[in-house]
Protein backbone atom coordinates (compact mmCIF):
# COMPACT_ATOMS: atom_id res chain seq x y z
CA UNK A 1 -13.34 50.96 110.60
CA UNK A 2 -16.77 49.95 111.87
CA UNK A 3 -19.15 49.48 108.92
CA UNK A 4 -21.88 52.10 108.70
CA UNK A 5 -25.40 51.06 107.73
CA UNK A 6 -28.35 53.10 106.52
CA UNK A 7 -31.47 52.31 108.58
CA UNK A 8 -34.54 54.24 107.49
CA UNK A 9 -32.95 57.69 107.08
CA UNK A 10 -30.18 57.30 109.67
CA UNK A 11 -26.54 56.27 109.33
CA UNK A 12 -25.61 54.00 112.23
CA UNK A 13 -22.78 51.57 113.13
CA UNK A 14 -23.48 47.96 112.20
CA UNK A 15 -23.62 47.00 115.89
CA UNK A 16 -26.71 49.15 116.34
CA UNK A 17 -28.72 47.50 113.56
CA UNK A 18 -31.73 45.56 114.85
CA UNK A 19 -34.27 43.47 112.92
CA UNK A 20 -37.67 42.86 114.47
CA UNK A 21 -38.86 39.23 114.53
CA UNK A 22 -42.19 40.63 113.31
CA UNK A 23 -40.67 42.10 110.14
CA UNK A 24 -42.56 40.62 107.18
CA UNK A 25 -39.30 40.40 105.28
CA UNK A 26 -38.07 37.98 107.95
CA UNK A 27 -40.93 35.49 107.78
CA UNK A 28 -42.52 36.08 104.36
CA UNK A 29 -39.66 37.41 102.26
CA UNK A 30 -42.05 40.34 101.85
CA UNK A 31 -39.64 42.92 100.51
CA UNK A 32 -37.65 44.22 97.57
CA UNK A 33 -34.02 45.06 96.94
CA UNK A 34 -31.43 46.46 94.58
CA UNK A 35 -27.67 45.94 94.30
CA UNK A 36 -25.80 48.96 92.92
CA UNK A 37 -22.25 48.82 91.56
CA UNK A 38 -19.88 51.53 92.76
CA UNK A 39 -16.92 52.62 90.65
CA UNK A 40 -14.66 55.45 91.75
CA UNK A 41 -16.94 56.12 94.71
CA UNK A 42 -19.94 56.75 92.44
CA UNK A 43 -23.13 54.76 91.82
CA UNK A 44 -23.17 53.18 88.36
CA UNK A 45 -26.41 53.40 86.36
CA UNK A 46 -28.23 54.75 89.42
CA UNK A 47 -31.24 56.04 87.47
CA UNK A 48 -31.90 52.63 85.90
CA UNK A 49 -31.64 50.88 89.27
CA UNK A 50 -34.09 53.27 90.91
CA UNK A 51 -36.56 52.94 88.04
CA UNK A 52 -36.51 49.17 88.53
CA UNK A 53 -36.90 49.62 92.28
CA UNK A 54 -39.95 51.85 91.72
CA UNK A 55 -41.44 49.32 89.28
CA UNK A 56 -40.98 46.40 91.66
CA UNK A 57 -42.33 48.38 94.62
CA UNK A 58 -45.46 49.31 92.70
CA UNK A 59 -46.00 45.72 91.54
CA UNK A 60 -45.82 44.27 95.07
CA UNK A 61 -47.64 47.25 96.63
CA UNK A 62 -44.86 48.51 98.89
CA UNK A 63 -44.62 52.26 99.36
CA UNK A 64 -41.08 53.54 99.05
CA UNK A 65 -40.10 55.48 102.19
CA UNK A 66 -38.81 58.40 100.11
CA UNK A 67 -38.51 59.60 96.53
CA UNK A 68 -35.75 58.00 94.47
CA UNK A 69 -33.83 61.28 94.38
CA UNK A 70 -33.77 61.36 98.18
CA UNK A 71 -32.85 57.68 98.40
CA UNK A 72 -29.95 58.29 96.03
CA UNK A 73 -28.65 61.09 98.25
CA UNK A 74 -28.84 58.79 101.25
CA UNK A 75 -26.92 56.05 99.44
CA UNK A 76 -24.27 58.58 98.38
CA UNK A 77 -23.92 59.61 102.03
CA UNK A 78 -23.60 55.93 102.97
CA UNK A 79 -20.84 55.45 100.38
CA UNK A 80 -18.99 58.48 101.74
CA UNK A 81 -19.40 57.33 105.36
CA UNK A 82 -17.80 53.99 104.49
CA UNK A 83 -15.16 55.55 102.22
CA UNK A 84 -16.14 53.05 99.52
CA UNK A 85 -14.27 53.41 96.23
CA UNK A 86 -15.05 50.14 94.43
CA UNK A 87 -17.75 47.72 95.49
CA UNK A 88 -21.50 47.45 95.90
CA UNK A 89 -24.38 48.97 97.78
CA UNK A 90 -27.17 46.65 98.89
CA UNK A 91 -30.53 48.35 99.44
CA UNK A 92 -33.47 46.47 100.94
CA UNK A 93 -36.99 47.61 101.75
CA UNK A 94 -39.42 45.31 103.54
CA UNK A 95 -43.13 45.93 103.99
CA UNK A 96 -42.50 46.45 107.71
CA UNK A 97 -43.52 44.88 111.01
CA UNK A 98 -46.92 43.35 111.71
CA UNK A 99 -48.50 40.30 113.29
CA UNK A 100 -47.94 37.24 111.14
CA UNK A 101 -50.85 37.02 108.69
CA UNK A 102 -50.85 36.61 104.94
CA UNK A 103 -53.06 39.62 104.28
CA UNK A 104 -51.17 42.85 103.60
CA UNK A 105 -51.37 45.02 106.75
CA UNK A 106 -52.88 48.44 106.23
CA UNK A 107 -50.66 50.24 108.72
CA UNK A 108 -47.22 48.65 108.31
CA UNK A 109 -44.38 51.13 107.79
CA UNK A 110 -41.73 50.04 105.25
CA UNK A 111 -38.30 49.33 106.72
CA UNK A 112 -35.26 50.44 104.73
CA UNK A 113 -31.78 49.05 105.24
CA UNK A 114 -28.63 49.51 103.15
CA UNK A 115 -24.94 48.74 103.48
CA UNK A 116 -21.77 48.76 101.38
CA UNK A 117 -19.32 46.01 100.49
CA UNK A 118 -15.86 46.38 99.02
CA UNK A 119 -15.66 44.31 95.84
CA UNK A 120 -13.02 44.45 93.14
CA UNK A 121 -13.86 43.90 89.51
CA UNK A 122 -13.63 40.18 88.59
CA UNK A 123 -10.88 40.74 86.04
CA UNK A 124 -9.46 37.21 86.04
CA UNK A 125 -12.89 35.60 85.73
CA UNK A 126 -13.79 37.92 82.86
CA UNK A 127 -10.54 37.01 81.11
CA UNK A 128 -10.83 33.26 81.58
CA UNK A 129 -14.59 32.68 81.46
CA UNK A 130 -16.83 30.37 83.48
CA UNK A 131 -18.35 26.91 83.23
CA UNK A 132 -22.12 26.46 83.58
CA UNK A 133 -24.56 23.60 83.93
CA UNK A 134 -28.21 23.61 82.91
CA UNK A 135 -31.30 23.12 85.05
CA UNK A 136 -35.08 23.33 84.64
CA UNK A 137 -36.43 26.74 85.70
CA UNK A 138 -39.28 26.00 88.13
CA UNK A 139 -39.41 29.38 89.84
CA UNK A 140 -42.53 31.52 90.02
CA UNK A 141 -43.66 33.50 86.97
CA UNK A 142 -42.71 37.01 88.11
CA UNK A 143 -38.95 36.77 87.80
CA UNK A 144 -38.95 40.35 86.54
CA UNK A 145 -39.61 41.58 90.09
CA UNK A 146 -36.54 42.00 92.30
CA UNK A 147 -37.97 40.63 95.53
CA UNK A 148 -36.41 38.91 98.54
CA UNK A 149 -37.78 35.49 97.52
CA UNK A 150 -34.47 34.07 96.30
CA UNK A 151 -34.44 30.53 97.72
CA UNK A 152 -34.89 28.96 94.24
CA UNK A 153 -31.96 31.02 92.97
CA UNK A 154 -29.71 30.02 95.86
CA UNK A 155 -30.57 26.34 95.36
CA UNK A 156 -29.83 26.66 91.64
CA UNK A 157 -26.48 28.30 92.36
CA UNK A 158 -25.58 25.56 94.84
CA UNK A 159 -26.57 22.92 92.28
CA UNK A 160 -23.98 24.40 89.92
CA UNK A 161 -21.30 24.49 92.61
CA UNK A 162 -22.06 20.89 93.56
CA UNK A 163 -21.38 19.93 89.92
CA UNK A 164 -18.04 21.75 89.94
CA UNK A 165 -19.42 24.56 87.75
CA UNK A 166 -19.57 28.30 88.36
CA UNK A 167 -23.24 28.93 87.66
CA UNK A 168 -26.43 27.44 86.29
CA UNK A 169 -28.33 28.32 83.11
CA UNK A 170 -32.05 27.94 83.72
CA UNK A 171 -34.53 26.86 81.07
CA UNK A 172 -38.27 26.28 80.79
CA UNK A 173 -38.94 23.17 78.72
CA UNK A 174 -35.77 23.77 76.75
CA UNK A 175 -36.10 27.54 76.30
CA UNK A 176 -33.26 29.34 78.08
CA UNK A 177 -34.27 32.08 80.52
CA UNK A 178 -31.39 33.33 82.71
CA UNK A 179 -28.84 32.27 85.33
CA UNK A 180 -29.09 32.15 89.12
CA UNK A 181 -28.16 35.83 89.48
CA UNK A 182 -27.37 37.08 85.98
CA UNK A 183 -28.65 37.23 82.43
CA UNK A 184 -27.29 35.01 79.67
CA UNK A 185 -26.66 35.75 76.00
CA UNK A 186 -25.30 33.83 73.03
CA UNK A 187 -23.59 34.91 69.83
CA UNK A 188 -24.39 33.27 66.52
CA UNK A 189 -22.96 34.44 63.20
CA UNK A 190 -21.98 37.75 64.78
CA UNK A 191 -25.39 38.52 66.32
CA UNK A 192 -26.25 38.60 70.01
CA UNK A 193 -29.36 36.68 71.08
CA UNK A 194 -30.97 36.89 74.52
CA UNK A 195 -34.34 36.16 76.10
CA UNK A 196 -36.74 39.12 75.83
CA UNK A 197 -37.39 41.22 78.93
CA UNK A 198 -40.73 39.70 79.90
CA UNK A 199 -41.90 38.21 83.19
CA UNK A 200 -39.63 35.15 82.98
CA UNK A 201 -36.33 36.98 83.53
CA UNK A 202 -35.03 39.82 85.64
CA UNK A 203 -34.53 42.93 83.52
CA UNK A 204 -30.85 43.24 84.39
CA UNK A 205 -29.28 46.69 84.42
CA UNK A 206 -26.00 45.32 83.08
CA UNK A 207 -28.03 43.41 80.49
CA UNK A 208 -29.52 46.69 79.28
CA UNK A 209 -26.11 48.40 79.22
CA UNK A 210 -24.57 45.52 77.27
CA UNK A 211 -27.35 45.56 74.67
CA UNK A 212 -27.08 49.34 74.34
CA UNK A 213 -23.31 49.10 73.86
CA UNK A 214 -23.73 46.30 71.31
CA UNK A 215 -26.08 48.41 69.23
CA UNK A 216 -23.68 51.35 69.43
CA UNK A 217 -20.94 49.06 68.14
CA UNK A 218 -23.15 47.96 65.26
CA UNK A 219 -23.50 44.41 66.58
CA UNK A 220 -26.93 42.93 65.66
CA UNK A 221 -29.12 42.18 68.68
CA UNK A 222 -32.15 39.88 68.80
CA UNK A 223 -34.24 39.76 71.98
CA UNK A 224 -35.90 36.45 71.30
CA UNK A 225 -36.04 33.09 73.11
CA UNK A 226 -33.37 30.53 72.26
CA UNK A 227 -33.03 26.86 73.14
CA UNK A 228 -30.55 24.75 75.05
CA UNK A 229 -29.41 23.38 71.70
CA UNK A 230 -28.82 26.93 70.47
CA UNK A 231 -26.72 27.53 73.58
CA UNK A 232 -24.65 24.42 73.00
CA UNK A 233 -24.15 25.27 69.31
CA UNK A 234 -23.40 28.96 69.89
CA UNK A 235 -20.27 30.65 68.57
CA UNK A 236 -19.97 32.45 71.91
CA UNK A 237 -21.89 32.77 75.16
CA UNK A 238 -21.63 35.19 78.06
CA UNK A 239 -23.46 36.35 81.16
CA UNK A 240 -24.09 39.86 82.41
CA UNK A 241 -24.64 41.13 85.93
CA UNK A 242 -23.90 43.93 88.38
CA UNK A 243 -20.98 42.17 90.03
CA UNK A 244 -19.73 40.09 87.08
CA UNK A 245 -20.12 42.71 84.32
CA UNK A 246 -19.66 40.82 81.00
CA UNK A 247 -18.25 37.34 81.67
CA UNK A 248 -17.69 34.69 78.98
CA UNK A 249 -19.21 31.21 79.26
CA UNK A 250 -16.68 28.69 77.97
CA UNK A 251 -18.47 25.40 78.67
CA UNK A 252 -22.02 24.09 79.12
CA UNK A 253 -22.63 20.82 80.97
CA UNK A 254 -18.98 19.93 80.51
CA UNK A 255 -18.91 20.58 76.75
CA UNK A 256 -16.90 23.56 75.42
CA UNK A 257 -18.75 26.44 73.78
CA UNK A 258 -17.21 26.59 70.29
CA UNK A 259 -13.42 26.67 70.88
CA UNK A 260 -13.83 26.81 74.64
CA UNK A 261 -12.32 30.31 74.79
CA UNK A 262 -13.88 33.78 75.08
CA UNK A 263 -14.92 35.03 71.64
CA UNK A 264 -14.34 38.30 69.77
CA UNK A 265 -17.85 39.74 70.23
CA UNK A 266 -17.65 39.16 73.97
CA UNK A 267 -14.24 40.83 74.06
CA UNK A 268 -15.55 43.88 72.17
CA UNK A 269 -18.39 44.21 74.66
CA UNK A 270 -16.00 43.92 77.58
CA UNK A 271 -13.87 46.71 76.15
CA UNK A 272 -16.92 48.90 75.59
CA UNK A 273 -18.14 48.21 79.13
CA UNK A 274 -14.72 49.16 80.47
CA UNK A 275 -14.99 52.48 78.65
CA UNK A 276 -18.50 53.01 80.07
CA UNK A 277 -17.12 52.53 83.57
CA UNK A 278 -14.23 54.89 82.95
CA UNK A 279 -16.52 57.60 81.61
CA UNK A 280 -18.61 57.59 84.81
CA UNK A 281 -15.63 57.95 87.17
CA UNK A 282 -14.71 61.56 88.07
CA UNK A 283 -11.27 62.45 86.82
């Protein structure tokens, strides 16, 4: 089946999608995006994703082409058109087309594009865990905004792959921030610790769900900075993200985290997350 894309407010075959060379997203990265998880043909945590989209759009002064409620309907139509059951929806909005100049054009019309991708849950990875390496976080200081400027993240991810690891844990002068495309948490003496949701990390939707579930389970949560040494001495560590859910970290820079196996707190969160997914799927 030919993939169907959403362009502005129209559903069109992929072959009909065209990107103008004057699109500011193309030469400035002047745009924003969201990646939604789809379970059972339904958007997961849609309200939280759209709230973050609205926040980012306001911060970078891009007008959304429609209200979030209308955008959600369009994404649901896109999911149906592609018969997507389990996967993701990528939504991107650029500032629009204009002559190349740094100043924000007054008359540019935002360009919306979205598509779906089939993606199974990473069950084996969540069971086995991942290895990470560490790297200085030298990105800009508005990591809380979900913009198209992801070159530093892609370079960080490739650095990890070049070292034979699965991902990178970023830090600023020894204080851990996040990973290349996910949030990171540690467990110490039964409590979960993660960097607070300020400007230095992306406010992950899965991060928020995991912290909410932890509190419901009675697991102590501290949103406070922690160090690389704290990471290396942790009882457990895990990452959270839209496509990886709750995935254990079993080694850092080649050294095992505790026993080198996923820990009990991480497993409890995984089970709770599984239940959250099940509860959102129509029976």
